[in-house]
Protein backbone atom coordinates (compact mmCIF):
# COMPACT_ATOMS: atom_id res chain seq x y z
CA MET A 1 0.00 0.00 0.00
CA THR A 2 1.29 3.44 -0.93
CA LEU A 3 0.21 6.84 0.36
CA TYR A 4 -0.41 9.31 -2.48
CA PHE A 5 -0.44 13.00 -1.54
CA PHE A 6 -2.59 14.91 -4.04
CA GLU A 7 -2.77 18.67 -4.34
CA ARG A 8 -4.12 21.33 -6.67
CA ILE A 9 -2.35 24.66 -6.97
CA THR A 10 -3.68 27.54 -9.04
CA ASP A 11 -2.93 31.26 -9.09
CA ASN A 12 -5.78 31.86 -6.63
CA ASP A 13 -6.20 28.61 -4.74
CA PHE A 14 -4.50 25.70 -3.02
CA VAL A 15 -6.24 22.44 -2.18
CA GLY A 16 -4.40 19.71 -0.40
CA PRO A 17 -2.99 17.61 0.68
CA VAL A 18 -5.58 14.94 0.00
CA ILE A 19 -3.93 11.71 1.11
CA VAL A 20 -5.08 8.51 -0.58
CA ALA A 21 -3.94 5.00 0.38
CA ALA A 22 -3.97 2.74 -2.66
CA SER A 23 -2.12 -0.18 -4.22
CA SER A 24 -1.40 1.69 -7.48
CA GLU A 25 -1.36 5.19 -8.93
CA ASP A 26 -4.38 4.36 -11.11
CA GLU A 27 -6.34 3.22 -8.07
CA ALA A 28 -5.35 6.41 -6.21
CA TRP A 29 -6.62 8.56 -9.09
CA ALA A 30 -9.85 6.54 -9.18
CA LEU A 31 -10.41 7.13 -5.46
CA LEU A 32 -9.71 10.87 -5.82
CA ALA A 33 -12.05 11.00 -8.83
CA ALA A 34 -14.81 9.34 -6.80
CA ARG A 35 -14.25 11.79 -3.93
CA GLU A 36 -14.36 14.78 -6.28
CA ARG A 37 -17.20 13.31 -8.39
CA SER A 38 -15.19 13.85 -11.54
CA GLU A 39 -13.06 12.00 -14.09
CA ARG A 40 -9.28 11.75 -13.79
CA ALA A 41 -8.69 13.73 -17.01
CA ALA A 42 -10.88 16.56 -15.74
CA LEU A 43 -9.01 16.61 -12.41
CA GLU A 44 -5.67 16.79 -14.20
CA THR A 45 -6.98 19.64 -16.35
CA LEU A 46 -7.95 21.48 -13.16
CA GLY A 47 -4.37 21.13 -11.90
CA TRP A 48 -4.61 18.13 -9.57
CA GLN A 49 -1.30 16.33 -9.27
CA ILE A 50 0.46 13.82 -7.09
CA ALA A 51 2.80 15.88 -4.96
CA GLN A 52 4.43 12.83 -3.37
CA ASP A 53 3.99 9.13 -2.92
CA LEU A 54 5.31 7.18 0.03
CA ALA A 55 5.60 3.42 -0.28
CA ALA A 56 7.37 3.22 3.09
CA ILE A 57 7.73 5.37 6.17
CA PRO A 58 11.23 6.92 6.37
CA THR A 59 13.51 4.94 8.70
CA ARG A 60 14.75 8.09 10.45
CA ALA A 61 13.37 11.53 11.18
CA SER A 62 13.35 13.60 8.01
CA VAL A 63 11.55 16.24 6.03
CA VAL A 64 9.72 14.76 3.04
CA TYR A 65 9.29 17.32 0.27
CA PRO A 66 6.68 17.03 -2.46
CA GLY A 67 8.12 15.83 -5.76
CA HIS A 68 7.63 19.15 -7.55
CA TYR A 69 9.73 20.91 -4.88
CA ARG A 70 12.56 18.50 -5.59
CA ASN A 71 12.21 19.09 -9.34
CA ALA A 72 12.33 22.87 -8.84
CA ILE A 73 15.50 22.57 -6.76
CA LEU A 74 17.19 20.46 -9.47
CA ARG A 75 16.43 22.99 -12.24
């Protein structure tokens, strides 16, 4: 089971994190879609994204940054 941290960031709004426990990314999107009463494609168009996924709890104390933060740092 993996924890998927979803968020939606726009110029005027931030929604998240919405944390979904699922066995796959597709299942996580399906659960979010059911929660939002929408289709995955529509959610992606609105800016929903997976900020982070955790398949295991870190073995030591640490700060876990969303994936897009890490990508911004690497650019």
